[in-house]
C-alpha atoms as a PDB file:
ATOM      1  CA  MET A   1      60.318  -6.888 -34.500  1.00  0.00           C
ATOM      2  CA  PHE A   2      63.436  -5.196 -36.257  1.00  0.00           C
ATOM      3  CA  PHE A   3      66.384  -6.854 -34.626  1.00  0.00           C
ATOM      4  CA  GLU A   4      65.989 -10.907 -33.996  1.00  0.00           C
ATOM      5  CA  LYS A   5      68.383 -10.420 -31.081  1.00  0.00           C
ATOM      6  CA  ILE A   6      69.683  -7.607 -29.040  1.00  0.00           C
ATOM      7  CA  LYS A   7      73.006  -7.609 -26.866  1.00  0.00           C
ATOM      8  CA  ILE A   8      74.359  -4.821 -24.749  1.00  0.00           C
ATOM      9  CA  GLN A   9      78.308  -6.012 -23.967  1.00  0.00           C
ATOM     10  CA  ASP A  10      80.115  -4.425 -20.778  1.00  0.00           C
ATOM     11  CA  ARG A  11      82.760  -3.077 -23.244  1.00  0.00           C
ATOM     12  CA  GLU A  12      82.233  -1.317 -26.089  1.00  0.00           C
ATOM     13  CA  ALA A  13      85.435  -2.904 -27.724  1.00  0.00           C
ATOM     14  CA  LYS A  14      83.547  -6.000 -27.664  1.00  0.00           C
ATOM     15  CA  ALA A  15      80.924  -4.509 -29.311  1.00  0.00           C
ATOM     16  CA  VAL A  16      82.994  -3.158 -32.462  1.00  0.00           C
ATOM     17  CA  TYR A  17      84.892  -6.286 -32.685  1.00  0.00           C
ATOM     18  CA  ASP A  18      81.979  -8.180 -32.891  1.00  0.00           C
ATOM     19  CA  VAL A  19      80.944  -6.291 -35.896  1.00  0.00           C
ATOM     20  CA  PHE A  20      84.460  -6.433 -37.123  1.00  0.00           C
ATOM     21  CA  PHE A  21      84.662  -9.972 -37.035  1.00  0.00           C
ATOM     22  CA  GLY A  22      81.181 -10.560 -38.232  1.00  0.00           C
ATOM     23  CA  THR A  23      79.557 -11.940 -35.084  1.00  0.00           C
ATOM     24  CA  SER A  24      76.646  -9.090 -34.742  1.00  0.00           C
ATOM     25  CA  ASP A  25      75.360  -7.285 -37.695  1.00  0.00           C
ATOM     26  CA  CYS A  26      75.771  -3.797 -35.934  1.00  0.00           C
ATOM     27  CA  ALA A  27      76.919  -1.645 -32.775  1.00  0.00           C
ATOM     28  CA  ILE A  28      76.295   1.117 -30.434  1.00  0.00           C
ATOM     29  CA  VAL A  29      78.646   3.155 -29.328  1.00  0.00           C
ATOM     30  CA  THR A  30      80.627   6.442 -28.234  1.00  0.00           C
ATOM     31  CA  GLN A  31      82.908   7.672 -31.033  1.00  0.00           C
ATOM     32  CA  ASN A  32      85.703   8.367 -28.337  1.00  0.00           C
ATOM     33  CA  ALA A  33      85.470   4.038 -28.294  1.00  0.00           C
ATOM     34  CA  TYR A  34      85.428   3.922 -31.805  1.00  0.00           C
ATOM     35  CA  HIS A  35      88.177   6.121 -32.791  1.00  0.00           C
ATOM     36  CA  THR A  36      90.605   4.646 -29.807  1.00  0.00           C
ATOM     37  CA  LEU A  37      89.913   1.529 -31.710  1.00  0.00           C
ATOM     38  CA  CYS A  38      90.368   2.873 -35.105  1.00  0.00           C
ATOM     39  CA  GLU A  39      93.681   4.315 -33.939  1.00  0.00           C
ATOM     40  CA  MET A  40      94.915   0.879 -32.760  1.00  0.00           C
ATOM     41  CA  ASN A  41      93.607  -0.685 -35.627  1.00  0.00           C
ATOM     42  CA  PRO A  42      93.122   0.894 -38.935  1.00  0.00           C
ATOM     43  CA  GLN A  43      91.138  -2.027 -40.861  1.00  0.00           C
ATOM     44  CA  ILE A  44      88.230  -1.446 -37.981  1.00  0.00           C
ATOM     45  CA  ALA A  45      87.743   1.804 -39.744  1.00  0.00           C
ATOM     46  CA  LYS A  46      88.020   0.120 -43.358  1.00  0.00           C
ATOM     47  CA  SER A  47      85.901  -2.497 -42.822  1.00  0.00           C
ATOM     48  CA  ILE A  48      83.252  -1.161 -40.550  1.00  0.00           C
ATOM     49  CA  LYS A  49      81.164   1.806 -41.931  1.00  0.00           C
ATOM     50  CA  ILE A  50      79.283   3.945 -39.858  1.00  0.00           C
ATOM     51  CA  VAL A  51      75.392   3.937 -40.455  1.00  0.00           C
ATOM     52  CA  GLU A  52      74.450   6.957 -37.961  1.00  0.00           C
ATOM     53  CA  THR A  53      76.079   9.746 -35.777  1.00  0.00           C
ATOM     54  CA  SER A  54      74.268  10.571 -32.803  1.00  0.00           C
ATOM     55  CA  PRO A  55      73.872  14.302 -31.700  1.00  0.00           C
ATOM     56  CA  GLU A  56      76.688  15.415 -29.443  1.00  0.00           C
ATOM     57  CA  LEU A  57      75.991  14.633 -25.496  1.00  0.00           C
ATOM     58  CA  ILE A  58      76.885  16.130 -22.681  1.00  0.00           C
ATOM     59  CA  PRO A  59      79.829  14.406 -21.202  1.00  0.00           C
ATOM     60  CA  THR A  60      80.018  16.044 -17.650  1.00  0.00           C
ATOM     61  CA  VAL A  61      78.357  18.187 -15.612  1.00  0.00           C
ATOM     62  CA  THR A  62      79.334  20.676 -13.114  1.00  0.00           C
ATOM     63  CA  ALA A  63      77.491  21.953 -10.383  1.00  0.00           C
ATOM     64  CA  SER A  64      77.478  24.414  -7.500  1.00  0.00           C
ATOM     65  CA  THR A  65      75.517  25.350  -4.505  1.00  0.00           C
ATOM     66  CA  GLU A  66      73.522  27.997  -3.718  1.00  0.00           C
ATOM     67  CA  LYS A  67      76.190  28.873  -0.960  1.00  0.00           C
ATOM     68  CA  SER A  68      78.437  29.324  -3.687  1.00  0.00           C
ATOM     69  CA  ASP A  69      80.433  32.653  -3.973  1.00  0.00           C
ATOM     70  CA  PRO A  70      78.514  34.470  -6.846  1.00  0.00           C
ATOM     71  CA  GLU A  71      82.020  36.386  -7.656  1.00  0.00           C
ATOM     72  CA  LEU A  72      84.252  33.156  -7.909  1.00  0.00           C
ATOM     73  CA  LEU A  73      81.649  31.304 -10.088  1.00  0.00           C
ATOM     74  CA  SER A  74      81.690  34.087 -12.660  1.00  0.00           C
ATOM     75  CA  ILE A  75      85.524  34.020 -13.005  1.00  0.00           C
ATOM     76  CA  ILE A  76      85.112  30.259 -13.406  1.00  0.00           C
ATOM     77  CA  LYS A  77      82.599  30.810 -16.179  1.00  0.00           C
ATOM     78  CA  ASN A  78      83.975  32.821 -17.739  1.00  0.00           C
ATOM     79  CA  ILE A  79      87.564  31.238 -17.907  1.00  0.00           C
ATOM     80  CA  SER A  80      85.921  28.040 -18.617  1.00  0.00           C
ATOM     81  CA  ILE A  81      83.831  29.113 -21.713  1.00  0.00           C
ATOM     82  CA  ASN A  82      86.782  30.548 -23.225  1.00  0.00           C
ATOM     83  CA  LEU A  83      89.315  27.739 -22.837  1.00  0.00           C
ATOM     84  CA  HIS A  84      88.965  26.760 -26.419  1.00  0.00           C
ATOM     85  CA  GLN A  85      90.327  30.127 -27.694  1.00  0.00           C
ATOM     86  CA  ASN A  86      93.965  29.239 -26.644  1.00  0.00           C
ATOM     87  CA  ILE A  87      96.595  27.053 -27.040  1.00  0.00           C
ATOM     88  CA  GLU A  88      96.773  26.178 -23.438  1.00  0.00           C
ATOM     89  CA  GLY A  89      93.071  25.306 -22.967  1.00  0.00           C
ATOM     90  CA  LYS A  90      92.736  23.808 -26.081  1.00  0.00           C
ATOM     91  CA  ASN A  91      95.646  21.436 -25.040  1.00  0.00           C
ATOM     92  CA  LEU A  92      93.641  21.022 -21.827  1.00  0.00           C
ATOM     93  CA  LEU A  93      90.429  20.204 -23.356  1.00  0.00           C
ATOM     94  CA  THR A  94      92.261  17.646 -25.478  1.00  0.00           C
ATOM     95  CA  ILE A  95      93.243  15.851 -22.136  1.00  0.00           C
ATOM     96  CA  PHE A  96      89.449  15.483 -21.704  1.00  0.00           C
ATOM     97  CA  LYS A  97      88.334  15.151 -25.410  1.00  0.00           C
ATOM     98  CA  LEU A  98      86.289  17.983 -25.139  1.00  0.00           C
ATOM     99  CA  ASN A  99      86.100  20.728 -27.849  1.00  0.00           C
ATOM    100  CA  LYS A 100      84.811  23.233 -25.681  1.00  0.00           C
ATOM    101  CA  ILE A 101      82.826  24.058 -22.460  1.00  0.00           C
ATOM    102  CA  SER A 102      79.408  25.385 -22.689  1.00  0.00           C
ATOM    103  CA  PHE A 103      76.652  26.348 -20.139  1.00  0.00           C
ATOM    104  CA  LEU A 104      72.981  25.193 -20.429  1.00  0.00           C
ATOM    105  CA  ILE A 105      70.048  26.181 -19.032  1.00  0.00           C
ATOM    106  CA  GLU A 106      67.525  23.955 -17.088  1.00  0.00           C
ATOM    107  CA  GLU A 107      65.383  22.934 -19.484  1.00  0.00           C
ATOM    108  CA  GLU A 108      68.301  21.627 -21.592  1.00  0.00           C
ATOM    109  CA  LEU A 109      69.883  19.694 -18.405  1.00  0.00           C
ATOM    110  CA  ARG A 110      66.297  18.036 -18.252  1.00  0.00           C
ATOM    111  CA  SER A 111      66.714  16.431 -21.649  1.00  0.00           C
ATOM    112  CA  VAL A 112      70.120  15.032 -20.541  1.00  0.00           C
ATOM    113  CA  LYS A 113      68.645  13.854 -17.382  1.00  0.00           C
ATOM    114  CA  GLU A 114      65.610  11.927 -19.133  1.00  0.00           C
ATOM    115  CA  LEU A 115      68.016  10.294 -21.807  1.00  0.00           C
ATOM    116  CA  MET A 116      70.471   9.226 -18.757  1.00  0.00           C
ATOM    117  CA  ASP A 117      67.093   8.062 -17.174  1.00  0.00           C
ATOM    118  CA  GLU A 118      65.993   6.032 -19.694  1.00  0.00           C
ATOM    119  CA  TYR A 119      69.983   4.559 -20.324  1.00  0.00           C
ATOM    120  CA  ASN A 120      70.023   3.633 -16.634  1.00  0.00           C
ATOM    121  CA  ARG A 121      66.772   1.821 -16.727  1.00  0.00           C
ATOM    122  CA  ASN A 122      68.085  -0.080 -20.121  1.00  0.00           C
ATOM    123  CA  LYS A 123      70.959  -0.648 -18.225  1.00  0.00           C
ATOM    124  CA  MET A 124      69.393  -2.293 -15.033  1.00  0.00           C
ATOM    125  CA  LYS A 125      67.029  -4.303 -17.824  1.00  0.00           C
ATOM    126  CA  LYS A 126      70.065  -5.889 -18.734  1.00  0.00           C
ATOM    127  CA  ARG A 127      71.479  -7.402 -15.502  1.00  0.00           C
ATOM    128  CA  ILE A 128      67.738  -8.464 -14.470  1.00  0.00           C
ATOM    129  CA  HIS A 129      68.081 -10.408 -17.516  1.00  0.00           C
END
C-alpha cells in the first residue's frame, strides 16, 4: 500500500492545516476551499505545493419535469448559457463561484453520477469505521 494511513476530515480546512503544520503529508480538497484558506493565510500558498488538479466537476445540477413549459425552459436555457457574456451575469456567477453555465447530455451526467456514488460510498465507509 502506498499510504500508511488515510484519514478523512470533516472539514477541508482541517485537512489543509494538517498539511501546513506537518501532521499530514498531503490532502485532497476542493479548489474553492484551498483558495479561501490561502486568502485568509497567504503563508499557506507559499508553503503548500499543489501536486495535481482534477478536471472541473459539476457543482450543481438543475432539472425539470416533462410537464415544464418548453418555451419557458428554452428562455431559461438561453439566458443561463449566456450569463458569462455580460457584466451583470458575470457578477451573478461570481457570487456562486462559477465560470459559466453549461448543459450536458445524459451520457455526461451518467459519469458524474458514478463519481458522486463512489464519493458517497467512501463517505459511508468512513462513518462505519
